[in-house]
Amino acid sequence: MTEPTVAGTGQATPGTTDLSSARPGRPAGSGAPSGTGSGPGPETGSDAGTGAHLWPGDHGTLPAPARLALARLVRGPYLAAESDPDTWRALLSHEDMVRERLSDQYLDLVVDADAQVAFVRDVPAADAPQVVRELTLTFLDTALLLHLRALLLDSPDGRVAVSRDEAADHLGQYRRRGGGSPMDFTRQLDATWARLTESGMLEPLSGDRCVVSPVLRTVFGADQVAALSAEYARLAKESA
């Protein structure tokens, strides 16, 4: 049986990307809290509105808050207001300047004001280099992401937490399709769980539970998700 097609269908549209890959790395708020350390924070310091030199030999012209927002976006996989409110506010205050600097790097900024998340993607130009690092998704990765995105969209408050066992229950419908042993399926599930956590799509909460990243609302295109969901539902029935 052939795998469902997960490649893109042409030029990207605002707010969408290919469901065959995901950004690796940690969520933008997983490092030191914004505003700590020796440098001035986003809301304080004499350089809050100008591009003052921040260290000896500094040739930058952006104010410190805008630089921090730019660095967090490039580091990836996304910037969220909930986990990094100071840098989120800095992004909104200096969005035009950040967009200009990202364009210089062949990167496009996507801001979802409703979900309060932002991320960067490669610009949709045929002659542009690929800048964003990507993590290729497996069949189970994609199946779980489709499920988690549906849960997120159905959540009244936009927050969803899942456990590894709950993920296993959902993905169990595809177990026969792989043709391997239960141990093989467990190893594949472990790899999927680890890969989505590393990419920032799942954020560790406690024990084996994770919070589903709000970026799943925006990062994948609705049309492609609908087509893939239909194909995965068909495969699940064939595997029953």
Protein backbone atom coordinates (compact mmCIF):
# COMPACT_ATOMS: atom_id res chain seq x y z
CA MET A 1 0.00 0.00 0.00
CA THR A 2 1.36 3.41 -0.87
CA GLU A 3 1.97 6.13 1.68
CA PRO A 4 -0.34 9.16 1.54
CA THR A 5 1.27 12.07 -0.23
CA VAL A 6 2.55 14.70 2.19
CA ALA A 7 4.49 16.95 -0.17
CA GLY A 8 3.33 20.50 -0.83
CA THR A 9 1.19 21.32 -3.82
CA GLY A 10 2.82 24.53 -4.96
CA GLN A 11 3.59 27.99 -3.69
CA ALA A 12 2.93 28.46 0.01
CA THR A 13 0.07 30.67 1.10
CA PRO A 14 0.15 32.91 4.18
CA GLY A 15 0.04 30.88 7.37
CA THR A 16 0.66 27.49 5.77
CA THR A 17 3.58 25.17 5.20
CA ASP A 18 4.31 21.61 4.13
CA LEU A 19 3.01 18.88 6.43
CA SER A 20 5.94 16.65 5.48
CA SER A 21 8.32 18.44 7.81
CA ALA A 22 8.57 20.45 10.99
CA ARG A 23 10.99 22.87 12.59
CA PRO A 24 13.45 21.23 15.01
CA GLY A 25 14.73 22.91 18.17
CA ARG A 26 13.23 24.07 21.41
CA PRO A 27 10.30 26.45 21.96
CA ALA A 28 11.36 30.07 22.06
CA GLY A 29 10.54 30.47 25.75
CA SER A 30 12.56 27.47 26.94
CA GLY A 31 15.75 29.41 27.66
CA ALA A 32 16.43 32.09 30.23
CA PRO A 33 13.45 34.37 30.89
CA SER A 34 13.39 37.52 28.83
CA GLY A 35 14.82 40.53 30.57
CA THR A 36 17.35 38.61 32.70
CA GLY A 37 21.10 38.59 32.48
CA SER A 38 23.60 41.40 31.99
CA GLY A 39 21.95 43.01 28.95
CA PRO A 40 18.99 45.39 29.11
CA GLY A 41 15.54 43.82 28.93
CA PRO A 42 12.96 44.51 26.22
CA GLU A 43 11.17 47.19 28.23
CA THR A 44 14.08 48.85 29.99
CA GLY A 45 17.43 50.48 29.26
CA SER A 46 18.47 53.56 27.32
CA ASP A 47 18.53 51.58 24.06
CA ALA A 48 14.83 50.64 24.21
CA GLY A 49 14.04 52.88 21.25
CA THR A 50 17.38 53.15 19.47
CA GLY A 51 20.07 50.88 18.08
CA ALA A 52 22.65 51.70 20.77
CA HIS A 53 25.77 49.54 20.89
CA LEU A 54 25.24 46.62 23.27
CA TRP A 55 28.82 45.30 23.39
CA PRO A 56 32.29 46.33 22.19
CA GLY A 57 32.45 46.04 18.41
CA ASP A 58 28.64 45.88 18.02
CA HIS A 59 27.67 46.99 14.51
CA GLY A 60 23.93 46.39 14.89
CA THR A 61 21.36 49.14 14.46
CA LEU A 62 18.22 47.53 15.90
CA PRO A 63 17.14 48.24 19.49
CA ALA A 64 17.80 45.44 21.95
CA PRO A 65 14.16 44.24 22.20
CA ALA A 66 13.89 43.90 18.41
CA ARG A 67 17.19 42.01 18.26
CA LEU A 68 15.99 39.58 20.92
CA ALA A 69 12.74 38.92 19.04
CA LEU A 70 14.71 38.41 15.81
CA ALA A 71 17.11 35.97 17.48
CA ARG A 72 14.31 33.95 19.08
CA LEU A 73 12.49 33.64 15.75
CA VAL A 74 15.59 32.54 13.85
CA ARG A 75 16.47 30.05 16.59
CA GLY A 76 12.95 28.61 16.27
CA PRO A 77 10.80 26.75 16.16
CA TYR A 78 8.42 29.58 17.14
CA LEU A 79 7.77 32.46 19.53
CA ALA A 80 4.71 32.29 21.79
CA ALA A 81 3.20 35.03 23.91
CA GLU A 82 2.31 32.60 26.68
CA SER A 83 5.84 31.33 27.24
CA ASP A 84 7.74 34.55 26.40
CA PRO A 85 5.42 37.56 26.86
CA ASP A 86 8.15 40.23 26.93
CA THR A 87 9.69 39.13 23.64
CA TRP A 88 6.23 38.74 22.10
CA ARG A 89 5.43 42.36 22.97
CA ALA A 90 8.80 43.41 21.58
CA LEU A 91 8.02 41.64 18.30
CA LEU A 92 4.69 43.44 17.95
CA SER A 93 6.34 46.79 18.73
CA HIS A 94 9.14 46.32 16.20
CA GLU A 95 7.46 44.02 13.68
CA ASP A 96 8.34 46.06 10.59
CA MET A 97 12.04 46.18 11.47
CA VAL A 98 12.12 42.47 12.29
CA ARG A 99 10.43 41.65 8.97
CA GLU A 100 13.04 43.68 7.09
CA ARG A 101 15.94 41.83 8.73
CA LEU A 102 14.30 38.45 8.14
CA SER A 103 13.79 39.29 4.47
CA ASP A 104 17.53 39.96 4.24
CA GLN A 105 17.96 36.30 5.26
CA TYR A 106 15.36 34.94 2.79
CA LEU A 107 12.90 34.38 5.65
CA ASP A 108 9.23 35.28 5.91
CA LEU A 109 7.55 36.11 9.23
CA VAL A 110 4.15 34.59 10.03
CA VAL A 111 2.28 36.13 12.98
CA ASP A 112 -0.96 34.59 14.26
CA ALA A 113 -2.47 37.26 16.51
CA ASP A 114 -5.33 35.00 17.62
CA ALA A 115 -3.13 32.10 18.71
CA GLN A 116 -0.41 34.59 19.75
CA VAL A 117 2.39 32.69 18.06
CA ALA A 118 4.91 33.66 15.40
CA PHE A 119 7.39 31.69 13.35
CA VAL A 120 9.59 32.04 10.28
CA ARG A 121 9.55 30.09 7.04
CA ASP A 122 11.48 30.18 3.78
CA VAL A 123 10.29 32.84 1.37
CA PRO A 124 8.15 31.45 -1.50
CA ALA A 125 10.62 32.34 -4.24
CA ALA A 126 11.91 29.81 -6.75
CA ASP A 127 15.50 31.08 -6.65
CA ALA A 128 15.68 31.52 -2.85
CA PRO A 129 17.92 29.19 -0.81
CA GLN A 130 16.43 26.92 1.83
CA VAL A 131 17.28 28.51 5.17
CA VAL A 132 14.89 26.90 7.63
CA ARG A 133 16.07 23.56 8.95
CA GLU A 134 13.42 20.88 8.66
CA LEU A 135 12.72 17.53 10.25
CA THR A 136 11.17 14.95 7.93
CA LEU A 137 8.03 13.42 9.42
CA THR A 138 7.23 9.71 9.39
CA PHE A 139 3.81 8.19 8.79
CA LEU A 140 3.11 8.01 12.55
CA ASP A 141 4.44 11.54 13.11
CA THR A 142 1.97 12.91 10.58
CA ALA A 143 -0.92 10.83 11.92
CA LEU A 144 -0.32 12.09 15.45
CA LEU A 145 0.06 15.71 14.34
CA LEU A 146 -3.27 15.55 12.49
CA HIS A 147 -4.92 14.19 15.63
CA LEU A 148 -3.34 16.79 17.92
CA ARG A 149 -4.29 19.64 15.59
CA ALA A 150 -7.90 18.47 15.58
CA LEU A 151 -7.92 18.34 19.39
CA LEU A 152 -6.46 21.84 19.55
CA LEU A 153 -9.03 23.31 17.18
CA ASP A 154 -11.86 21.66 19.14
CA SER A 155 -10.61 22.92 22.52
CA PRO A 156 -12.76 25.75 23.94
CA ASP A 157 -9.77 27.48 25.55
CA GLY A 158 -7.21 26.56 22.90
CA ARG A 159 -5.19 24.37 25.27
CA VAL A 160 -4.69 20.61 25.02
CA ALA A 161 -2.52 18.25 27.07
CA VAL A 162 -1.94 14.64 26.04
CA SER A 163 -0.05 11.69 27.45
CA ARG A 164 2.07 9.17 25.63
CA ASP A 165 -0.54 6.49 26.41
CA GLU A 166 -3.28 8.61 24.84
CA ALA A 167 -1.13 9.03 21.75
CA ALA A 168 -0.61 5.26 21.66
CA ASP A 169 -4.37 4.67 21.86
CA HIS A 170 -4.98 6.89 18.86
CA LEU A 171 -2.10 5.53 16.77
CA GLY A 172 -3.00 1.94 17.61
CA GLN A 173 -5.46 1.94 14.70
CA TYR A 174 -2.46 1.98 12.34
CA ARG A 175 -0.54 -0.80 14.12
CA ARG A 176 -1.53 -3.60 11.73
CA ARG A 177 -0.63 -1.45 8.74
CA GLY A 178 3.07 -1.52 9.64
CA GLY A 179 3.17 -5.30 9.74
CA GLY A 180 5.68 -5.34 12.61
CA SER A 181 5.53 -6.72 16.12
CA PRO A 182 4.05 -4.85 19.11
CA MET A 183 7.62 -4.10 20.18
CA ASP A 184 8.35 -2.53 16.79
CA PHE A 185 5.26 -0.35 17.14
CA THR A 186 6.35 0.73 20.64
CA ARG A 187 9.76 1.76 19.33
CA GLN A 188 8.16 3.72 16.49
CA LEU A 189 5.81 5.43 18.95
CA ASP A 190 8.72 6.32 21.24
CA ALA A 191 10.57 7.85 18.28
CA THR A 192 7.49 9.83 17.23
CA TRP A 193 6.93 11.16 20.76
CA ALA A 194 10.59 12.18 21.06
CA ARG A 195 10.68 13.77 17.59
CA LEU A 196 7.59 15.93 18.15
CA THR A 197 8.88 16.98 21.56
CA GLU A 198 12.25 17.94 20.12
CA SER A 199 10.60 19.90 17.30
CA GLY A 200 8.56 21.92 19.80
CA MET A 201 5.18 20.59 18.63
CA LEU A 202 4.81 18.98 22.06
CA GLU A 203 5.96 20.81 25.19
CA PRO A 204 6.78 18.65 28.26
CA LEU A 205 4.41 19.23 31.16
CA SER A 206 4.84 16.56 33.84
CA GLY A 207 5.40 12.84 33.81
CA ASP A 208 4.59 11.58 30.33
CA ARG A 209 2.17 14.41 29.56
CA CYS A 210 2.82 17.22 27.10
CA VAL A 211 1.02 20.39 26.06
CA VAL A 212 0.20 20.63 22.37
CA SER A 213 1.88 23.67 20.86
CA PRO A 214 -0.55 26.41 19.73
CA VAL A 215 1.54 26.81 16.57
CA LEU A 216 -0.27 23.74 15.17
CA ARG A 217 -3.24 26.02 14.56
CA THR A 218 -1.28 27.99 11.99
CA VAL A 219 1.74 26.13 10.71
CA PHE A 220 -0.14 23.61 8.54
CA GLY A 221 -2.52 24.50 5.72
CA ALA A 222 -6.21 23.66 6.12
CA ASP A 223 -6.66 22.26 2.60
CA GLN A 224 -3.71 19.92 2.86
CA VAL A 225 -4.75 18.83 6.37
CA ALA A 226 -8.25 18.00 5.11
CA ALA A 227 -6.89 15.86 2.27
CA LEU A 228 -4.44 14.05 4.53
CA SER A 229 -7.06 13.48 7.22
CA ALA A 230 -9.35 11.80 4.70
CA GLU A 231 -6.51 9.57 3.48
CA TYR A 232 -5.46 8.58 6.99
CA ALA A 233 -9.07 7.82 7.92
CA ARG A 234 -9.25 5.48 4.89
CA LEU A 235 -6.02 3.74 5.88
CA ALA A 236 -7.26 3.32 9.46
CA LYS A 237 -10.37 1.53 8.18
CA GLU A 238 -8.28 -0.76 5.98
CA SER A 239 -6.07 -1.59 8.96
CA ALA A 240 -9.02 -2.49 11.22
